[in-house]
PDB file of N, CA and C in Angstrom:
ATOM      1  N   MET A   1      68.429 -72.316 -91.163  1.00  0.00           N
ATOM      2  CA  MET A   1      67.445 -72.726 -91.880  1.00  0.00           C
ATOM      3  C   MET A   1      66.409 -73.095 -91.232  1.00  0.00           C
ATOM      4  N   GLY A   2      65.471 -73.640 -91.571  1.00  0.00           N
ATOM      5  CA  GLY A   2      63.890 -73.555 -90.988  1.00  0.00           C
ATOM      6  C   GLY A   2      63.970 -75.101 -90.860  1.00  0.00           C
ATOM      7  N   ILE A   3      63.228 -75.431 -89.668  1.00  0.00           N
ATOM      8  CA  ILE A   3      63.051 -77.003 -88.955  1.00  0.00           C
ATOM      9  C   ILE A   3      62.581 -77.835 -90.501  1.00  0.00           C
ATOM     10  N   LEU A   4      61.370 -77.314 -90.861  1.00  0.00           N
ATOM     11  CA  LEU A   4      60.734 -78.224 -92.149  1.00  0.00           C
ATOM     12  C   LEU A   4      62.160 -78.536 -93.088  1.00  0.00           C
ATOM     13  N   TRP A   5      62.932 -77.664 -93.314  1.00  0.00           N
ATOM     14  CA  TRP A   5      63.677 -77.739 -93.902  1.00  0.00           C
ATOM     15  C   TRP A   5      64.721 -78.633 -93.755  1.00  0.00           C
ATOM     16  N   ILE A   6      65.004 -78.248 -92.435  1.00  0.00           N
ATOM     17  CA  ILE A   6      66.170 -79.243 -91.726  1.00  0.00           C
ATOM     18  C   ILE A   6      65.743 -80.592 -91.935  1.00  0.00           C
ATOM     19  N   ILE A   7      64.433 -80.879 -91.662  1.00  0.00           N
ATOM     20  CA  ILE A   7      63.830 -82.423 -91.375  1.00  0.00           C
ATOM     21  C   ILE A   7      64.055 -83.061 -92.914  1.00  0.00           C
ATOM     22  N   ILE A   8      63.871 -82.359 -94.174  1.00  0.00           N
ATOM     23  CA  ILE A   8      63.597 -82.580 -95.537  1.00  0.00           C
ATOM     24  C   ILE A   8      65.238 -82.849 -95.810  1.00  0.00           C
ATOM     25  N   VAL A   9      66.286 -81.692 -95.732  1.00  0.00           N
ATOM     26  CA  VAL A   9      67.698 -81.957 -95.942  1.00  0.00           C
ATOM     27  C   VAL A   9      68.008 -83.329 -95.076  1.00  0.00           C
ATOM     28  N   GLY A  10      67.441 -82.945 -93.705  1.00  0.00           N
ATOM     29  CA  GLY A  10      68.195 -84.069 -93.065  1.00  0.00           C
ATOM     30  C   GLY A  10      67.766 -85.981 -93.384  1.00  0.00           C
ATOM     31  N   PHE A  11      66.854 -86.032 -94.207  1.00  0.00           N
ATOM     32  CA  PHE A  11      66.439 -87.623 -94.597  1.00  0.00           C
ATOM     33  C   PHE A  11      67.315 -87.636 -95.532  1.00  0.00           C
ATOM     34  N   VAL A  12      67.682 -86.769 -96.732  1.00  0.00           N
ATOM     35  CA  VAL A  12      68.643 -86.967 -97.539  1.00  0.00           C
ATOM     36  C   VAL A  12      70.224 -86.934 -97.191  1.00  0.00           C
ATOM     37  N   ALA A  13      70.439 -86.342 -96.230  1.00  0.00           N
ATOM     38  CA  ALA A  13      71.896 -86.623 -95.424  1.00  0.00           C
ATOM     39  C   ALA A  13      71.688 -87.545 -94.971  1.00  0.00           C
ATOM     40  N   GLY A  14      70.870 -88.289 -94.148  1.00  0.00           N
ATOM     41  CA  GLY A  14      70.846 -89.445 -93.535  1.00  0.00           C
ATOM     42  C   GLY A  14      71.439 -90.560 -94.350  1.00  0.00           C
ATOM     43  N   ALA A  15      70.595 -90.477 -95.522  1.00  0.00           N
ATOM     44  CA  ALA A  15      70.771 -91.669 -96.340  1.00  0.00           C
ATOM     45  C   ALA A  15      72.409 -91.823 -97.312  1.00  0.00           C
ATOM     46  N   LEU A  16      72.922 -90.118 -97.406  1.00  0.00           N
ATOM     47  CA  LEU A  16      74.603 -90.099 -98.073  1.00  0.00           C
ATOM     48  C   LEU A  16      75.178 -90.516 -97.165  1.00  0.00           C
ATOM     49  N   ALA A  17      75.077 -90.238 -95.541  1.00  0.00           N
ATOM     50  CA  ALA A  17      76.231 -90.651 -94.543  1.00  0.00           C
ATOM     51  C   ALA A  17      76.317 -92.183 -94.422  1.00  0.00           C
ATOM     52  N   LYS A  18      74.842 -92.942 -94.312  1.00  0.00           N
ATOM     53  CA  LYS A  18      75.101 -94.039 -94.319  1.00  0.00           C
ATOM     54  C   LYS A  18      75.430 -95.021 -95.594  1.00  0.00           C
ATOM     55  N   TYR A  19      75.408 -94.240 -96.521  1.00  0.00           N
ATOM     56  CA  TYR A  19      76.209 -94.710 -98.048  1.00  0.00           C
ATOM     57  C   TYR A  19      78.026 -94.438 -97.877  1.00  0.00           C
ATOM     58  N   ILE A  20      78.110 -93.422 -97.475  1.00  0.00           N
ATOM     59  CA  ILE A  20      79.757 -92.810 -97.645  1.00  0.00           C
ATOM     60  C   ILE A  20      80.445 -93.470 -96.586  1.00  0.00           C
ATOM     61  N   MET A  21      80.042 -94.020 -95.048  1.00  0.00           N
ATOM     62  CA  MET A  21      80.377 -94.711 -94.113  1.00  0.00           C
ATOM     63  C   MET A  21      80.563 -96.005 -94.273  1.00  0.00           C
ATOM     64  N   PRO A  22      81.855 -96.611 -94.296  1.00  0.00           N
ATOM     65  CA  PRO A  22      82.187 -98.027 -94.678  1.00  0.00           C
ATOM     66  C   PRO A  22      81.363 -98.661 -93.451  1.00  0.00           C
ATOM     67  N   GLY A  23      81.098-100.043 -93.857  1.00  0.00           N
ATOM     68  CA  GLY A  23      80.795-100.816 -92.444  1.00  0.00           C
ATOM     69  C   GLY A  23      79.671-100.937 -92.625  1.00  0.00           C
ATOM     70  N   LYS A  24      78.884-102.008 -92.036  1.00  0.00           N
ATOM     71  CA  LYS A  24      77.488-102.374 -92.119  1.00  0.00           C
ATOM     72  C   LYS A  24      76.886-101.890 -91.021  1.00  0.00           C
ATOM     73  N   ASP A  25      75.594-101.462 -91.232  1.00  0.00           N
ATOM     74  CA  ASP A  25      74.977-100.363 -89.955  1.00  0.00           C
ATOM     75  C   ASP A  25      73.473-101.177 -89.775  1.00  0.00           C
ATOM     76  N   ASP A  26      72.994-101.170 -88.480  1.00  0.00           N
ATOM     77  CA  ASP A  26      71.885-102.232 -88.422  1.00  0.00           C
ATOM     78  C   ASP A  26      70.645-101.167 -88.521  1.00  0.00           C
ATOM     79  N   GLY A  27      70.795-100.169 -88.381  1.00  0.00           N
ATOM     80  CA  GLY A  27      69.581 -99.058 -88.585  1.00  0.00           C
ATOM     81  C   GLY A  27      68.805 -98.859 -89.684  1.00  0.00           C
ATOM     82  N   GLY A  28      67.467 -98.778 -89.687  1.00  0.00           N
ATOM     83  CA  GLY A  28      66.723 -99.011 -91.190  1.00  0.00           C
ATOM     84  C   GLY A  28      66.563 -97.724 -91.255  1.00  0.00           C
ATOM     85  N   SER A  29      65.470 -97.299 -91.939  1.00  0.00           N
ATOM     86  CA  SER A  29      65.096 -96.167 -92.740  1.00  0.00           C
ATOM     87  C   SER A  29      64.495 -95.021 -91.575  1.00  0.00           C
ATOM     88  N   VAL A  30      64.286 -95.482 -90.484  1.00  0.00           N
ATOM     89  CA  VAL A  30      63.772 -94.639 -89.157  1.00  0.00           C
ATOM     90  C   VAL A  30      65.188 -94.077 -88.675  1.00  0.00           C
ATOM     91  N   MET A  31      65.826 -94.811 -88.392  1.00  0.00           N
ATOM     92  CA  MET A  31      67.494 -94.921 -88.015  1.00  0.00           C
ATOM     93  C   MET A  31      68.231 -93.547 -88.812  1.00  0.00           C
ATOM     94  N   THR A  32      67.839 -94.033 -90.170  1.00  0.00           N
ATOM     95  CA  THR A  32      68.476 -93.006 -91.171  1.00  0.00           C
ATOM     96  C   THR A  32      68.016 -91.699 -91.080  1.00  0.00           C
ATOM     97  N   THR A  33      66.825 -91.671 -91.144  1.00  0.00           N
ATOM     98  CA  THR A  33      66.037 -90.505 -91.195  1.00  0.00           C
ATOM     99  C   THR A  33      66.194 -89.362 -89.750  1.00  0.00           C
ATOM    100  N   LEU A  34      66.863 -90.254 -88.669  1.00  0.00           N
ATOM    101  CA  LEU A  34      66.853 -89.770 -87.527  1.00  0.00           C
ATOM    102  C   LEU A  34      68.244 -89.003 -87.244  1.00  0.00           C
ATOM    103  N   LEU A  35      69.025 -89.838 -87.906  1.00  0.00           N
ATOM    104  CA  LEU A  35      70.693 -89.479 -88.019  1.00  0.00           C
ATOM    105  C   LEU A  35      70.848 -88.345 -89.045  1.00  0.00           C
ATOM    106  N   GLY A  36      69.949 -88.697 -89.885  1.00  0.00           N
ATOM    107  CA  GLY A  36      70.050 -87.166 -90.675  1.00  0.00           C
ATOM    108  C   GLY A  36      69.624 -85.935 -90.496  1.00  0.00           C
ATOM    109  N   ILE A  37      68.518 -86.222 -89.562  1.00  0.00           N
ATOM    110  CA  ILE A  37      67.696 -85.000 -89.028  1.00  0.00           C
ATOM    111  C   ILE A  37      68.851 -84.097 -87.995  1.00  0.00           C
ATOM    112  N   GLY A  38      69.370 -85.202 -86.840  1.00  0.00           N
ATOM    113  CA  GLY A  38      70.260 -84.831 -86.041  1.00  0.00           C
ATOM    114  C   GLY A  38      71.720 -84.227 -86.663  1.00  0.00           C
ATOM    115  N   GLY A  39      72.095 -84.751 -87.854  1.00  0.00           N
ATOM    116  CA  GLY A  39      73.278 -84.366 -88.668  1.00  0.00           C
ATOM    117  C   GLY A  39      73.078 -82.932 -89.051  1.00  0.00           C
ATOM    118  N   ALA A  40      71.827 -82.879 -89.706  1.00  0.00           N
ATOM    119  CA  ALA A  40      71.116 -81.400 -90.204  1.00  0.00           C
ATOM    120  C   ALA A  40      71.358 -80.371 -88.982  1.00  0.00           C
ATOM    121  N   PHE A  41      70.881 -80.912 -88.053  1.00  0.00           N
ATOM    122  CA  PHE A  41      70.767 -79.677 -86.684  1.00  0.00           C
ATOM    123  C   PHE A  41      72.362 -79.458 -86.577  1.00  0.00           C
ATOM    124  N   VAL A  42      73.288 -80.494 -86.332  1.00  0.00           N
ATOM    125  CA  VAL A  42      74.520 -80.334 -85.889  1.00  0.00           C
ATOM    126  C   VAL A  42      75.584 -79.850 -86.826  1.00  0.00           C
ATOM    127  N   GLY A  43      75.050 -79.968 -88.186  1.00  0.00           N
ATOM    128  CA  GLY A  43      75.959 -78.846 -89.097  1.00  0.00           C
ATOM    129  C   GLY A  43      75.476 -77.247 -89.439  1.00  0.00           C
ATOM    130  N   ASP A  44      74.068 -77.085 -89.224  1.00  0.00           N
ATOM    131  CA  ASP A  44      73.680 -75.928 -89.208  1.00  0.00           C
ATOM    132  C   ASP A  44      74.315 -75.178 -87.914  1.00  0.00           C
ATOM    133  N   TRP A  45      74.135 -75.691 -86.683  1.00  0.00           N
ATOM    134  CA  TRP A  45      74.733 -75.068 -85.559  1.00  0.00           C
ATOM    135  C   TRP A  45      76.009 -75.113 -85.766  1.00  0.00           C
ATOM    136  N   LEU A  46      77.169 -75.827 -86.339  1.00  0.00           N
ATOM    137  CA  LEU A  46      78.453 -75.709 -86.102  1.00  0.00           C
ATOM    138  C   LEU A  46      78.561 -74.658 -87.474  1.00  0.00           C
ATOM    139  N   GLY A  47      77.810 -74.724 -88.577  1.00  0.00           N
ATOM    140  CA  GLY A  47      78.401 -73.739 -89.531  1.00  0.00           C
ATOM    141  C   GLY A  47      78.147 -72.372 -89.183  1.00  0.00           C
ATOM    142  N   GLY A  48      76.858 -72.157 -88.308  1.00  0.00           N
ATOM    143  CA  GLY A  48      76.837 -70.740 -87.623  1.00  0.00           C
ATOM    144  C   GLY A  48      77.758 -70.336 -86.120  1.00  0.00           C
ATOM    145  N   LEU A  49      78.274 -71.594 -85.462  1.00  0.00           N
ATOM    146  CA  LEU A  49      79.344 -71.503 -84.536  1.00  0.00           C
ATOM    147  C   LEU A  49      80.884 -70.841 -85.483  1.00  0.00           C
ATOM    148  N   LEU A  50      81.013 -71.394 -86.498  1.00  0.00           N
ATOM    149  CA  LEU A  50      82.572 -71.217 -87.048  1.00  0.00           C
ATOM    150  C   LEU A  50      82.326 -70.583 -88.276  1.00  0.00           C
ATOM    151  N   GLY A  51      81.075 -69.432 -88.298  1.00  0.00           N
ATOM    152  CA  GLY A  51      80.679 -68.506 -89.478  1.00  0.00           C
ATOM    153  C   GLY A  51      80.672 -69.023 -90.633  1.00  0.00           C
ATOM    154  N   MET A  52      80.199 -70.163 -90.843  1.00  0.00           N
ATOM    155  CA  MET A  52      80.354 -70.649 -92.401  1.00  0.00           C
ATOM    156  C   MET A  52      79.178 -70.730 -92.932  1.00  0.00           C
ATOM    157  N   ASN A  53      78.132 -70.286 -92.450  1.00  0.00           N
ATOM    158  CA  ASN A  53      76.716 -70.512 -93.048  1.00  0.00           C
ATOM    159  C   ASN A  53      76.629 -69.835 -94.379  1.00  0.00           C
ATOM    160  N   ARG A  54      77.118 -68.937 -94.719  1.00  0.00           N
ATOM    161  CA  ARG A  54      77.046 -68.462 -96.451  1.00  0.00           C
ATOM    162  C   ARG A  54      77.692 -69.071 -97.088  1.00  0.00           C
ATOM    163  N   LEU A  55      78.948 -70.347 -96.988  1.00  0.00           N
ATOM    164  CA  LEU A  55      79.676 -71.363 -97.370  1.00  0.00           C
ATOM    165  C   LEU A  55      78.588 -72.274 -97.806  1.00  0.00           C
ATOM    166  N   PHE A  56      77.722 -72.495 -97.015  1.00  0.00           N
ATOM    167  CA  PHE A  56      76.864 -73.684 -96.821  1.00  0.00           C
ATOM    168  C   PHE A  56      75.324 -72.825 -97.077  1.00  0.00           C
ATOM    169  N   ASP A  57      75.483 -72.178 -97.957  1.00  0.00           N
ATOM    170  CA  ASP A  57      74.015 -71.718 -98.513  1.00  0.00           C
ATOM    171  C   ASP A  57      73.272 -71.988 -99.306  1.00  0.00           C
ATOM    172  N   GLY A  58      72.173 -72.343 -99.300  1.00  0.00           N
ATOM    173  CA  GLY A  58      71.479 -73.195-100.617  1.00  0.00           C
ATOM    174  C   GLY A  58      71.048 -74.767-100.630  1.00  0.00           C
ATOM    175  N   LEU A  59      70.758 -75.215-101.353  1.00  0.00           N
ATOM    176  CA  LEU A  59      70.245 -76.674-101.504  1.00  0.00           C
ATOM    177  C   LEU A  59      71.556 -77.549-101.300  1.00  0.00           C
ATOM    178  N   LEU A  60      72.346 -77.390-102.023  1.00  0.00           N
ATOM    179  CA  LEU A  60      73.700 -78.092-102.097  1.00  0.00           C
ATOM    180  C   LEU A  60      74.872 -77.940-100.815  1.00  0.00           C
ATOM    181  N   GLY A  61      74.821 -76.725-100.516  1.00  0.00           N
ATOM    182  CA  GLY A  61      75.357 -76.319 -99.526  1.00  0.00           C
ATOM    183  C   GLY A  61      75.010 -76.924 -98.074  1.00  0.00           C
ATOM    184  N   SER A  62      73.399 -76.968 -97.782  1.00  0.00           N
ATOM    185  CA  SER A  62      72.807 -77.523 -96.911  1.00  0.00           C
ATOM    186  C   SER A  62      72.926 -79.061 -96.681  1.00  0.00           C
ATOM    187  N   ILE A  63      72.701 -79.774 -97.980  1.00  0.00           N
ATOM    188  CA  ILE A  63      73.137 -81.021 -98.018  1.00  0.00           C
ATOM    189  C   ILE A  63      74.292 -81.566 -97.561  1.00  0.00           C
ATOM    190  N   VAL A  64      75.735 -80.640 -98.250  1.00  0.00           N
ATOM    191  CA  VAL A  64      76.913 -81.227 -97.503  1.00  0.00           C
ATOM    192  C   VAL A  64      76.637 -80.790 -95.975  1.00  0.00           C
ATOM    193  N   SER A  65      76.339 -79.755 -95.200  1.00  0.00           N
ATOM    194  CA  SER A  65      76.834 -79.626 -93.965  1.00  0.00           C
ATOM    195  C   SER A  65      76.015 -80.525 -93.047  1.00  0.00           C
ATOM    196  N   ALA A  66      74.642 -81.129 -93.692  1.00  0.00           N
ATOM    197  CA  ALA A  66      73.636 -81.688 -92.926  1.00  0.00           C
ATOM    198  C   ALA A  66      74.549 -83.085 -92.776  1.00  0.00           C
ATOM    199  N   THR A  67      75.210 -83.633 -94.186  1.00  0.00           N
ATOM    200  CA  THR A  67      75.810 -84.706 -94.435  1.00  0.00           C
ATOM    201  C   THR A  67      77.070 -84.794 -93.488  1.00  0.00           C
ATOM    202  N   LEU A  68      77.770 -83.659 -93.561  1.00  0.00           N
ATOM    203  CA  LEU A  68      78.935 -83.806 -92.847  1.00  0.00           C
ATOM    204  C   LEU A  68      78.250 -83.847 -91.262  1.00  0.00           C
ATOM    205  N   GLY A  69      77.366 -83.183 -90.500  1.00  0.00           N
ATOM    206  CA  GLY A  69      76.781 -83.310 -89.301  1.00  0.00           C
ATOM    207  C   GLY A  69      76.465 -85.100 -88.963  1.00  0.00           C
ATOM    208  N   ALA A  70      76.184 -85.441 -90.151  1.00  0.00           N
ATOM    209  CA  ALA A  70      75.418 -87.013 -90.003  1.00  0.00           C
ATOM    210  C   ALA A  70      76.553 -87.928 -90.013  1.00  0.00           C
ATOM    211  N   LEU A  71      77.520 -87.875 -90.414  1.00  0.00           N
ATOM    212  CA  LEU A  71      78.420 -88.575 -90.529  1.00  0.00           C
ATOM    213  C   LEU A  71      79.405 -88.553 -88.838  1.00  0.00           C
ATOM    214  N   VAL A  72      79.279 -87.508 -88.583  1.00  0.00           N
ATOM    215  CA  VAL A  72      79.840 -87.151 -87.368  1.00  0.00           C
ATOM    216  C   VAL A  72      78.978 -88.078 -86.142  1.00  0.00           C
ATOM    217  N   ILE A  73      77.692 -87.849 -86.404  1.00  0.00           N
ATOM    218  CA  ILE A  73      76.991 -88.630 -85.328  1.00  0.00           C
ATOM    219  C   ILE A  73      77.154 -90.063 -85.768  1.00  0.00           C
ATOM    220  N   LEU A  74      77.027 -90.536 -86.780  1.00  0.00           N
ATOM    221  CA  LEU A  74      76.831 -91.865 -87.368  1.00  0.00           C
ATOM    222  C   LEU A  74      78.409 -92.295 -86.792  1.00  0.00           C
ATOM    223  N   TRP A  75      79.956 -91.667 -86.783  1.00  0.00           N
ATOM    224  CA  TRP A  75      80.646 -92.157 -86.278  1.00  0.00           C
ATOM    225  C   TRP A  75      80.401 -92.218 -84.617  1.00  0.00           C
ATOM    226  N   ILE A  76      80.248 -91.438 -83.718  1.00  0.00           N
ATOM    227  CA  ILE A  76      79.822 -91.486 -82.637  1.00  0.00           C
ATOM    228  C   ILE A  76      78.833 -92.264 -82.242  1.00  0.00           C
ATOM    229  N   TYR A  77      77.858 -92.764 -83.094  1.00  0.00           N
ATOM    230  CA  TYR A  77      76.909 -93.770 -82.704  1.00  0.00           C
ATOM    231  C   TYR A  77      77.348 -95.311 -82.970  1.00  0.00           C
ATOM    232  N   ASN A  78      78.347 -95.479 -83.828  1.00  0.00           N
ATOM    233  CA  ASN A  78      79.289 -96.478 -84.096  1.00  0.00           C
ATOM    234  C   ASN A  78      80.275 -96.945 -83.046  1.00  0.00           C
ATOM    235  N   LYS A  79      81.087 -95.655 -82.398  1.00  0.00           N
ATOM    236  CA  LYS A  79      81.891 -95.903 -81.364  1.00  0.00           C
ATOM    237  C   LYS A  79      80.972 -96.448 -80.082  1.00  0.00           C
ATOM    238  N   TRP A  80      79.993 -95.687 -79.865  1.00  0.00           N
ATOM    239  CA  TRP A  80      79.451 -95.950 -78.435  1.00  0.00           C
ATOM    240  C   TRP A  80      78.307 -97.419 -78.568  1.00  0.00           C
ATOM    241  N   PHE A  81      77.793 -97.312 -79.606  1.00  0.00           N
ATOM    242  CA  PHE A  81      76.562 -98.246 -79.249  1.00  0.00           C
ATOM    243  C   PHE A  81      76.806 -99.523 -80.248  1.00  0.00           C
ATOM    244  N   LYS A  82      77.800 -99.777 -80.844  1.00  0.00           N
ATOM    245  CA  LYS A  82      77.969-101.484 -81.500  1.00  0.00           C
ATOM    246  C   LYS A  82      78.996-101.838 -80.784  1.00  0.00           C
ATOM    247  N   LYS A  83      78.831-103.065 -80.997  1.00  0.00           N
ATOM    248  CA  LYS A  83      80.024-103.894 -80.295  1.00  0.00           C
ATOM    249  C   LYS A  83      80.812-104.454 -81.312  1.00  0.00           C
TER     250      LYS A  83
END
């Protein structure tokens, strides 16, 4: 994925991850966007590492992999930074 595509998909993925993950999150729209962008990078990296980039090809696959990455990042964020 290109950097601009990762940012665009990351915004959608961050919103989906916050919707899917149970519990209250204090982050606003900026945090959601950063979370999704980070998740898109993580999802793209893991897909390449595991050889699953063809599975996650196209718009829907990109959103799925980015959302999975964003969920991982959100889980880590909640474990480390929330009391």
